[in-house]
């Protein structure tokens, strides 16, 4: 008869809200794990005999208990609340935009990240696809839950998911970087120098440090905070009643601006934040709290972005149109996407990239010549990008390669401090008392690891591990 051990790790004021289940059936062991309330992922292993299966099961259960898991009754704890934006996307009546290529991810998509090398889209099924600018599909990640957003922080790229986890995508495989408290129904998140800002369904906002511990947590002035943007001094929060800015260290309110209508998205440049509004506009606010330019659109705005320094301001409405404005508020053009309403967008090198309600990542030629031609009804034949059928998605991993020689990296050590496992640098030339931001799922008490490099945070006081990680034996 099969024997099942069910464990949960849930911290009311902390970050964990997950289960781990081991089922033994003769010489087979099935491990199932994931977010409490979900079906999770499972893997079955067959052993030479029942004794070997029992030994491995005992080992795995012991490892989890040492990490704080405890026996539980399945179903007694509620699942984390997940809210996804619902848009009944309408067809645009504007001329069609000059789309160069389009990739269908398979589900509505929020997550987008564009830099000089890659274009990334993350959808509500947890799939992240990485493409080159020539529309070649390079690789795919499969995360355990829907992708809320993809954000960059210096050399690090993170994906925030519905399960409350934030995964570091900077290495060969995704690693768990942050785990957000289960009572937070995440709407959006952003990160700057390792400090995470999170907004939620109830209008709350919080700041979380490099070890996913709260710096502060506040109930905002409104509800439904779809905008949070972080910089070196503040966390900027957009909600149902306007935009509020908080000191990133203390949570003290720096300024607040009431708005007509609710904030439904947000973008920032060095000196300004830009709020996409339900009241058919994008509003600029200088980071000292002074109101700036209003960019007037024709319908409710669900996404917006800017060219560097706010030279151009872009917006996407629920009728599948995209807009471009000059910095002074002059509307330059309005065109239809042809692939749904833009959930999120980013501008890069004269191209506007959007992710949409039908799950597409589309590359729009935003150069003046291409736009003028599109306004006359002349658009290029876009490339319909297909993912290679044999491509394997890389899932988050807690497995690390083994290193026997630390000569080509920085050695760090895992130490137990109360209920927490901390990481500190062992190699010479570093502050031994500083913590290291390091993936959660691979930490073992007393273990040493070799990382490619360790960088001091811009604010100082802790280090951040970058690159591939190997366990030193």
Protein backbone atom coordinates (compact mmCIF):
# COMPACT_ATOMS: atom_id res chain seq x y z
CA UNK A 1 0.00 0.00 0.00
CA UNK A 2 1.28 3.46 -0.90
CA UNK A 3 2.43 5.68 1.97
CA UNK A 4 2.24 9.48 1.68
CA UNK A 5 4.01 12.14 3.74
CA UNK A 6 2.64 15.65 3.25
CA UNK A 7 4.56 18.70 4.54
CA UNK A 8 3.95 22.45 4.37
CA UNK A 9 6.06 25.53 4.96
CA UNK A 10 3.95 28.63 5.58
CA UNK A 11 5.01 31.75 7.47
CA UNK A 12 2.23 34.16 8.39
CA UNK A 13 4.54 37.15 8.36
CA UNK A 14 7.30 35.67 6.24
CA UNK A 15 7.61 34.54 2.67
CA UNK A 16 6.96 30.82 2.33
CA UNK A 17 3.66 29.26 1.32
CA UNK A 18 4.46 25.91 -0.24
CA UNK A 19 4.04 22.15 0.17
CA UNK A 20 6.18 19.05 -0.33
CA UNK A 21 4.69 15.57 -0.64
CA UNK A 22 6.47 12.20 -0.86
CA UNK A 23 4.53 9.05 -1.85
CA UNK A 24 6.17 5.60 -1.59
CA UNK A 25 4.70 2.66 -3.50
CA UNK A 26 7.00 -0.37 -3.27
CA UNK A 27 10.14 0.61 -5.25
CA UNK A 28 8.68 3.85 -6.66
CA UNK A 29 8.84 7.29 -5.06
CA UNK A 30 6.74 10.22 -6.28
CA UNK A 31 7.62 13.72 -5.13
CA UNK A 32 5.03 16.46 -5.59
CA UNK A 33 5.70 20.09 -4.66
CA UNK A 34 4.47 23.60 -5.33
CA UNK A 35 2.33 26.41 -4.00
CA UNK A 36 -0.21 25.51 -1.31
CA UNK A 37 -3.61 25.05 -2.94
CA UNK A 38 -2.24 24.18 -6.39
CA UNK A 39 -1.63 20.78 -8.00
CA UNK A 40 2.09 21.54 -8.21
CA UNK A 41 4.71 19.57 -10.10
CA UNK A 42 5.54 15.91 -9.63
CA UNK A 43 8.34 13.49 -10.46
CA UNK A 44 8.36 9.71 -10.10
CA UNK A 45 11.58 7.73 -9.59
CA UNK A 46 11.92 3.95 -9.77
CA UNK A 47 14.59 2.25 -7.61
CA UNK A 48 16.21 -1.18 -7.64
CA UNK A 49 14.17 -2.22 -4.60
CA UNK A 50 11.80 -0.87 -1.94
CA UNK A 51 14.58 -0.38 0.61
CA UNK A 52 16.45 2.05 -1.64
CA UNK A 53 13.23 3.95 -2.33
CA UNK A 54 12.53 4.19 1.42
CA UNK A 55 16.06 5.42 2.15
CA UNK A 56 15.89 8.20 -0.43
CA UNK A 57 12.40 9.22 0.74
CA UNK A 58 13.62 9.44 4.34
CA UNK A 59 16.55 11.58 3.24
CA UNK A 60 14.37 14.01 1.26
CA UNK A 61 11.80 14.37 4.04
CA UNK A 62 14.58 15.00 6.57
CA UNK A 63 16.08 17.73 4.38
CA UNK A 64 12.72 19.50 4.18
CA UNK A 65 12.05 19.22 7.92
CA UNK A 66 15.46 20.80 8.62
CA UNK A 67 14.43 23.69 6.37
CA UNK A 68 11.28 24.31 8.44
CA UNK A 69 8.65 22.14 6.73
CA UNK A 70 6.21 20.39 9.07
CA UNK A 71 3.50 17.71 8.71
CA UNK A 72 0.16 19.21 7.70
CA UNK A 73 -3.33 18.30 6.54
CA UNK A 74 -3.80 19.11 2.89
CA UNK A 75 -6.53 21.70 2.29
CA UNK A 76 -6.51 23.35 5.71
CA UNK A 77 -4.44 26.32 4.54
CA UNK A 78 -5.90 28.52 1.82
CA UNK A 79 -4.13 29.02 -1.48
CA UNK A 80 -2.45 32.34 -2.22
CA UNK A 81 -4.84 34.79 -3.86
CA UNK A 82 -4.02 35.46 -7.50
CA UNK A 83 -5.59 38.32 -9.44
CA UNK A 84 -5.05 38.65 -13.16
CA UNK A 85 -6.04 41.67 -15.17
CA UNK A 86 -9.12 41.03 -17.26
CA UNK A 87 -9.44 43.03 -20.49
CA UNK A 88 -12.11 42.52 -23.10
CA UNK A 89 -9.89 43.67 -25.93
CA UNK A 90 -11.64 45.59 -28.70
CA UNK A 91 -10.49 45.89 -32.30
CA UNK A 92 -8.81 49.16 -33.21
CA UNK A 93 -10.30 51.37 -35.90
CA UNK A 94 -6.91 53.01 -36.55
CA UNK A 95 -4.59 52.07 -39.40
CA UNK A 96 -2.45 49.00 -38.69
CA UNK A 97 1.00 49.53 -37.18
CA UNK A 98 4.12 48.41 -39.10
CA UNK A 99 4.71 45.12 -37.26
CA UNK A 100 8.05 43.56 -38.23
CA UNK A 101 7.60 40.23 -36.44
CA UNK A 102 5.24 38.57 -34.02
CA UNK A 103 5.66 35.60 -31.71
CA UNK A 104 2.62 33.94 -30.12
CA UNK A 105 3.54 32.69 -26.65
CA UNK A 106 0.34 30.67 -26.18
CA UNK A 107 -1.35 32.62 -23.36
CA UNK A 108 -2.02 36.27 -22.40
CA UNK A 109 1.29 37.90 -21.57
CA UNK A 110 2.37 40.60 -19.11
CA UNK A 111 6.10 40.03 -18.86
CA UNK A 112 8.42 41.80 -21.28
CA UNK A 113 12.13 42.62 -21.22
CA UNK A 114 14.20 44.10 -24.05
CA UNK A 115 17.89 44.98 -24.13
CA UNK A 116 20.64 45.18 -26.76
CA UNK A 117 20.87 41.39 -27.01
CA UNK A 118 17.50 39.77 -26.35
CA UNK A 119 13.73 40.12 -26.32
CA UNK A 120 11.82 38.20 -23.61
CA UNK A 121 8.14 37.46 -23.14
CA UNK A 122 6.56 35.76 -20.11
CA UNK A 123 2.94 34.59 -20.16
CA UNK A 124 0.21 33.53 -17.72
CA UNK A 125 1.20 29.87 -18.08
CA UNK A 126 4.67 30.58 -16.71
CA UNK A 127 6.45 30.20 -20.06
CA UNK A 128 9.28 32.64 -20.82
CA UNK A 129 10.68 32.73 -24.36
CA UNK A 130 13.95 34.46 -25.24
CA UNK A 131 14.35 35.74 -28.80
CA UNK A 132 17.09 37.58 -30.63
CA UNK A 133 16.27 40.86 -32.35
CA UNK A 134 16.22 39.04 -35.68
CA UNK A 135 13.26 37.03 -34.27
CA UNK A 136 15.27 33.83 -33.77
CA UNK A 137 14.02 31.88 -30.76
CA UNK A 138 17.04 31.22 -28.53
CA UNK A 139 15.75 29.42 -25.42
CA UNK A 140 12.77 28.96 -23.13
CA UNK A 141 12.17 28.79 -19.38
CA UNK A 142 9.19 27.12 -17.73
CA UNK A 143 8.37 28.68 -14.36
CA UNK A 144 5.89 27.09 -11.92
CA UNK A 145 3.24 29.81 -12.23
CA UNK A 146 2.08 32.73 -14.36
CA UNK A 147 4.59 35.51 -15.02
CA UNK A 148 3.60 38.92 -13.65
CA UNK A 149 6.57 40.84 -15.01
CA UNK A 150 10.21 40.65 -16.05
CA UNK A 151 12.50 43.32 -14.62
CA UNK A 152 16.21 44.12 -14.86
CA UNK A 153 18.51 45.27 -12.07
CA UNK A 154 21.99 46.03 -13.40
CA UNK A 155 23.30 42.66 -14.69
CA UNK A 156 20.45 40.64 -13.12
CA UNK A 157 17.14 39.75 -14.76
CA UNK A 158 14.20 38.66 -12.61
CA UNK A 159 10.76 37.22 -13.30
CA UNK A 160 8.01 37.77 -10.73
CA UNK A 161 5.30 35.09 -10.69
CA UNK A 162 1.76 34.51 -9.42
CA UNK A 163 3.09 32.03 -6.85
CA UNK A 164 4.80 34.89 -5.02
CA UNK A 165 8.26 33.80 -6.11
CA UNK A 166 10.77 35.95 -7.96
CA UNK A 167 13.24 33.98 -10.06
CA UNK A 168 16.73 35.07 -11.12
CA UNK A 169 17.14 34.37 -14.86
CA UNK A 170 20.75 35.53 -15.07
CA UNK A 171 22.39 32.08 -15.05
CA UNK A 172 21.99 28.87 -17.02
CA UNK A 173 18.85 27.91 -15.08
CA UNK A 174 16.28 29.97 -13.12
CA UNK A 175 16.97 30.23 -9.38
CA UNK A 176 14.63 31.32 -6.60
CA UNK A 177 15.72 34.80 -5.50
CA UNK A 178 12.76 36.14 -3.45
CA UNK A 179 9.65 34.57 -1.92
CA UNK A 180 6.94 37.12 -1.13
CA UNK A 181 4.58 36.75 1.86
CA UNK A 182 1.51 34.61 0.98
CA UNK A 183 -1.05 37.18 2.12
CA UNK A 184 0.08 39.60 -0.62
CA UNK A 185 -2.01 39.30 -3.79
CA UNK A 186 0.69 40.66 -6.13
CA UNK A 187 -0.29 43.10 -8.83
CA UNK A 188 3.13 44.37 -9.85
CA UNK A 189 6.73 44.52 -8.68
CA UNK A 190 9.98 46.29 -9.49
CA UNK A 191 13.55 46.12 -8.21
CA UNK A 192 16.52 48.47 -7.78
CA UNK A 193 19.91 47.44 -6.36
CA UNK A 194 18.48 44.28 -4.83
CA UNK A 195 15.58 46.07 -3.07
CA UNK A 196 12.19 44.82 -4.22
CA UNK A 197 9.04 46.95 -4.35
CA UNK A 198 5.68 45.15 -4.46
CA UNK A 199 2.16 46.50 -4.95
CA UNK A 200 -0.96 44.45 -4.28
CA UNK A 201 -4.67 44.03 -4.94
CA UNK A 202 -5.72 45.93 -1.82
CA UNK A 203 -3.61 48.98 -2.56
CA UNK A 204 -0.80 47.99 -0.23
CA UNK A 205 2.87 48.54 -1.01
CA UNK A 206 6.03 47.18 0.58
CA UNK A 207 9.80 47.21 0.28
CA UNK A 208 11.71 43.92 0.64
CA UNK A 209 15.47 43.58 1.10
CA UNK A 210 17.96 41.23 -0.56
CA UNK A 211 17.04 38.40 1.86
CA UNK A 212 13.28 38.86 1.17
CA UNK A 213 12.66 40.38 4.60
CA UNK A 214 10.36 43.40 4.89
CA UNK A 215 12.02 46.79 5.20
CA UNK A 216 8.53 48.23 5.58
CA UNK A 217 4.94 47.62 4.59
CA UNK A 218 2.18 50.22 4.16
CA UNK A 219 -1.48 50.36 3.28
CA UNK A 220 -1.61 52.91 0.47
CA UNK A 221 -4.09 55.69 -0.05
CA UNK A 222 -6.10 53.73 -2.63
CA UNK A 223 -6.77 50.21 -3.88
CA UNK A 224 -5.55 47.99 -6.73
CA UNK A 225 -1.94 49.13 -7.10
CA UNK A 226 -1.05 48.30 -10.70
CA UNK A 227 2.03 50.52 -10.65
CA UNK A 228 5.19 50.27 -8.60
CA UNK A 229 8.55 51.67 -9.73
CA UNK A 230 11.75 51.71 -7.68
CA UNK A 231 14.81 53.95 -7.89
CA UNK A 232 17.79 54.88 -5.70
CA UNK A 233 15.70 56.94 -3.26
CA UNK A 234 12.04 55.96 -3.51
CA UNK A 235 9.28 53.50 -4.29
CA UNK A 236 6.63 55.10 -6.51
CA UNK A 237 3.15 53.59 -6.13
CA UNK A 238 0.21 54.11 -8.51
CA UNK A 239 -3.27 53.05 -7.36
CA UNK A 240 -6.98 53.88 -7.58
CA UNK A 241 -6.57 57.40 -6.16
CA UNK A 242 -3.31 58.58 -7.67
CA UNK A 243 0.45 58.28 -7.29
CA UNK A 244 2.29 58.20 -3.95
CA UNK A 245 6.05 58.16 -3.41
CA UNK A 246 7.70 56.54 -0.37
CA UNK A 247 11.23 56.59 1.01
CA UNK A 248 12.68 53.16 0.09
CA UNK A 249 14.38 52.74 3.50
CA UNK A 250 11.66 53.82 5.94
CA UNK A 251 8.39 53.84 4.02
CA UNK A 252 7.77 57.47 4.98
CA UNK A 253 5.53 59.21 2.46
CA UNK A 254 7.49 61.70 0.36
CA UNK A 255 4.61 63.05 -1.75
CA UNK A 256 1.16 62.21 -3.08
CA UNK A 257 -0.75 63.37 -6.16
CA UNK A 258 -4.48 62.76 -6.51
CA UNK A 259 -5.64 61.80 -10.01
CA UNK A 260 -8.90 61.74 -11.91
CA UNK A 261 -9.35 58.02 -12.49
CA UNK A 262 -7.22 55.06 -11.44
CA UNK A 263 -3.60 54.33 -12.29
CA UNK A 264 -3.48 51.14 -14.37
CA UNK A 265 0.21 50.97 -15.27
CA UNK A 266 3.42 52.91 -14.73
CA UNK A 267 6.82 53.70 -16.19
CA UNK A 268 9.78 55.74 -14.99
CA UNK A 269 12.74 57.67 -16.29
CA UNK A 270 15.50 59.23 -14.22
CA UNK A 271 13.52 62.32 -13.19
CA UNK A 272 9.88 61.39 -13.87
CA UNK A 273 7.26 58.70 -13.46
CA UNK A 274 4.50 58.19 -16.05
CA UNK A 275 1.10 56.83 -14.98
CA UNK A 276 -1.21 55.13 -17.47
CA UNK A 277 -4.75 56.10 -16.48
CA UNK A 278 -8.31 54.80 -16.67
CA UNK A 279 -9.20 58.40 -17.57
CA UNK A 280 -7.83 58.04 -21.14
CA UNK A 281 -4.43 59.60 -20.54
CA UNK A 282 -0.84 59.20 -19.41
CA UNK A 283 0.22 61.57 -16.63
CA UNK A 284 3.78 62.68 -16.00
CA UNK A 285 4.91 63.40 -12.43
CA UNK A 286 8.36 64.75 -11.64
CA UNK A 287 10.06 62.81 -8.87
CA UNK A 288 9.83 65.83 -6.58
CA UNK A 289 6.04 65.41 -6.71
CA UNK A 290 5.29 68.20 -9.19
CA UNK A 291 2.71 67.40 -11.87
CA UNK A 292 3.99 67.45 -15.44
CA UNK A 293 2.56 66.91 -18.92
CA UNK A 294 -0.74 65.16 -19.68
CA UNK A 295 -0.72 62.90 -22.75
CA UNK A 296 -4.32 62.60 -23.92
CA UNK A 297 -5.57 59.39 -25.53
CA UNK A 298 -8.97 58.21 -26.74
CA UNK A 299 -9.60 55.26 -24.42
CA UNK A 300 -8.53 53.62 -21.16
CA UNK A 301 -4.76 53.07 -21.00
CA UNK A 302 -3.45 49.68 -19.89
CA UNK A 303 0.26 50.11 -20.64
CA UNK A 304 2.79 52.84 -21.32
CA UNK A 305 6.52 53.37 -21.82
CA UNK A 306 8.97 56.04 -22.94
CA UNK A 307 12.02 56.46 -25.10
CA UNK A 308 15.16 57.32 -23.07
CA UNK A 309 14.76 60.54 -21.05
CA UNK A 310 11.09 60.78 -22.03
CA UNK A 311 11.86 61.94 -25.57
CA UNK A 312 8.80 60.01 -26.76
CA UNK A 313 5.91 58.71 -24.66
CA UNK A 314 4.00 55.60 -25.75
CA UNK A 315 0.66 54.22 -24.59
CA UNK A 316 -1.56 51.22 -25.30
CA UNK A 317 -5.34 51.27 -24.86
CA UNK A 318 -7.95 48.54 -24.43
CA UNK A 319 -9.08 48.94 -28.05
CA UNK A 320 -5.79 47.49 -29.37
CA UNK A 321 -4.33 50.87 -30.33
CA UNK A 322 -0.88 52.25 -29.54
CA UNK A 323 0.00 55.95 -29.33
CA UNK A 324 3.17 57.97 -29.60
CA UNK A 325 3.59 61.48 -28.15
CA UNK A 326 6.36 64.04 -28.17
CA UNK A 327 7.69 64.99 -24.74
CA UNK A 328 5.56 68.16 -24.70
CA UNK A 329 2.31 66.19 -25.11
CA UNK A 330 1.83 66.54 -28.86
CA UNK A 331 0.27 63.38 -30.27
CA UNK A 332 2.45 62.12 -33.13
CA UNK A 333 0.51 59.03 -34.15
CA UNK A 334 -2.05 56.36 -33.26
CA UNK A 335 -2.06 52.91 -34.89
CA UNK A 336 -3.69 49.50 -34.32
CA UNK A 337 -1.65 46.55 -33.13
CA UNK A 338 -3.45 43.86 -35.10
CA UNK A 339 -2.77 41.38 -32.25
CA UNK A 340 -4.77 42.51 -29.23
CA UNK A 341 -4.40 45.15 -26.55
CA UNK A 342 -0.94 45.84 -25.14
CA UNK A 343 -0.67 44.56 -21.56
CA UNK A 344 2.88 45.89 -21.35
CA UNK A 345 5.41 47.55 -23.63
CA UNK A 346 9.01 48.70 -23.99
CA UNK A 347 10.80 50.95 -26.50
CA UNK A 348 14.27 50.10 -27.80
CA UNK A 349 16.29 51.41 -30.75
CA UNK A 350 13.38 52.91 -32.78
CA UNK A 351 11.18 49.89 -32.17
CA UNK A 352 8.21 49.49 -29.85
CA UNK A 353 7.81 46.02 -28.36
CA UNK A 354 4.44 45.03 -26.92
CA UNK A 355 3.03 41.94 -25.20
CA UNK A 356 -0.69 41.51 -25.63
CA UNK A 357 -3.96 39.98 -24.55
CA UNK A 358 -3.61 37.21 -27.15
CA UNK A 359 -0.13 36.34 -25.86
CA UNK A 360 1.87 37.90 -28.67
CA UNK A 361 5.23 39.59 -28.42
CA UNK A 362 5.19 42.00 -31.35
CA UNK A 363 7.99 44.20 -32.68
CA UNK A 364 6.68 47.44 -34.20
CA UNK A 365 8.87 49.65 -36.37
CA UNK A 366 8.48 53.05 -34.67
CA UNK A 367 10.75 54.96 -37.04
CA UNK A 368 9.21 58.04 -38.63
CA UNK A 369 9.37 56.64 -42.19
CA UNK A 370 7.68 53.36 -41.22
CA UNK A 371 4.94 55.14 -39.26
CA UNK A 372 4.21 57.59 -42.09
CA UNK A 373 3.90 54.68 -44.53
CA UNK A 374 1.58 52.83 -42.13
CA UNK A 375 -0.65 55.89 -41.88
CA UNK A 376 -1.06 55.59 -45.67
CA UNK A 377 -1.91 51.89 -45.33
CA UNK A 378 1.51 50.58 -46.37
CA UNK A 379 2.93 48.05 -43.89
CA UNK A 380 5.54 45.29 -44.24
CA UNK A 381 4.68 41.60 -44.33
CA UNK A 382 5.45 40.62 -40.75
CA UNK A 383 7.35 37.47 -39.82
CA UNK A 384 5.18 34.99 -37.93
CA UNK A 385 7.79 33.52 -35.58
CA UNK A 386 7.52 29.85 -34.65
CA UNK A 387 9.32 28.23 -31.74
CA UNK A 388 11.35 25.16 -32.70
CA UNK A 389 9.24 22.10 -31.89
CA UNK A 390 12.16 20.29 -30.25
CA UNK A 391 13.12 23.13 -27.91
CA UNK A 392 13.33 22.10 -24.24
CA UNK A 393 12.11 24.52 -21.58
CA UNK A 394 14.47 25.02 -18.64
CA UNK A 395 12.71 24.81 -15.26
CA UNK A 396 13.82 26.41 -11.96
CA UNK A 397 16.45 24.26 -10.31
CA UNK A 398 17.80 23.57 -6.84
CA UNK A 399 20.54 21.34 -8.27
CA UNK A 400 24.11 22.63 -8.39
CA UNK A 401 27.17 21.34 -10.18
CA UNK A 402 30.13 20.15 -8.12
CA UNK A 403 33.45 22.02 -7.95
CA UNK A 404 36.69 20.59 -6.59
CA UNK A 405 38.84 23.67 -7.19
CA UNK A 406 37.78 27.20 -6.15
CA UNK A 407 40.56 28.89 -8.13
CA UNK A 408 38.27 30.23 -10.85
CA UNK A 409 35.64 31.84 -8.62
CA UNK A 410 34.66 33.36 -5.29
CA UNK A 411 34.04 31.03 -2.34
CA UNK A 412 31.00 31.68 -0.14
CA UNK A 413 29.73 29.75 2.88
CA UNK A 414 26.26 29.01 4.21
CA UNK A 415 25.84 29.69 7.94
CA UNK A 416 22.86 29.20 10.26
CA UNK A 417 21.65 32.35 12.04
CA UNK A 418 18.56 31.58 14.07
CA UNK A 419 15.88 30.36 11.66
CA UNK A 420 17.71 31.77 8.64
CA UNK A 421 20.45 30.36 6.45
CA UNK A 422 22.78 33.22 5.48
CA UNK A 423 25.55 33.34 2.90
CA UNK A 424 28.87 35.08 3.59
CA UNK A 425 32.05 35.44 1.53
CA UNK A 426 35.01 33.28 2.56
CA UNK A 427 37.51 34.41 -0.09
CA UNK A 428 40.05 37.07 0.85
CA UNK A 429 39.42 40.73 0.07
CA UNK A 430 35.74 40.91 1.01
CA UNK A 431 33.79 42.00 4.08
CA UNK A 432 33.32 38.78 6.06
CA UNK A 433 30.36 40.19 8.00
CA UNK A 434 28.33 41.16 4.94
CA UNK A 435 25.56 38.92 3.64
CA UNK A 436 25.41 37.72 0.04
CA UNK A 437 22.21 37.67 -1.98
CA UNK A 438 22.10 34.05 -3.05
CA UNK A 439 19.41 31.60 -4.32
CA UNK A 440 17.19 30.19 -1.58
CA UNK A 441 16.58 26.61 -2.69
CA UNK A 442 20.20 25.43 -2.76
CA UNK A 443 21.39 26.59 0.68
CA UNK A 444 22.67 23.88 3.03
CA UNK A 445 24.12 24.60 6.50
CA UNK A 446 27.91 24.57 6.46
CA UNK A 447 28.14 24.11 2.68
CA UNK A 448 30.56 26.12 0.59
CA UNK A 449 29.89 27.27 -2.96
CA UNK A 450 31.91 28.77 -5.80
CA UNK A 451 30.24 31.65 -7.67
CA UNK A 452 31.45 33.33 -10.85
CA UNK A 453 31.62 36.77 -9.26
CA UNK A 454 30.43 38.77 -6.26
CA UNK A 455 29.54 42.46 -6.54
CA UNK A 456 29.02 45.01 -3.82
CA UNK A 457 25.57 46.57 -3.91
CA UNK A 458 25.48 50.21 -4.97
CA UNK A 459 24.13 51.17 -1.54
CA UNK A 460 26.75 49.02 0.20
CA UNK A 461 26.26 46.65 3.10
CA UNK A 462 25.77 43.41 1.15
CA UNK A 463 27.01 41.54 -1.89
CA UNK A 464 25.21 39.99 -4.83
CA UNK A 465 26.25 36.72 -6.44
CA UNK A 466 26.32 36.73 -10.23
CA UNK A 467 26.69 33.90 -12.72
CA UNK A 468 26.79 30.15 -12.33
CA UNK A 469 27.00 28.49 -8.90
CA UNK A 470 28.78 25.25 -7.99
CA UNK A 471 29.00 23.40 -4.68
CA UNK A 472 32.54 23.04 -3.38
CA UNK A 473 33.49 19.57 -2.15
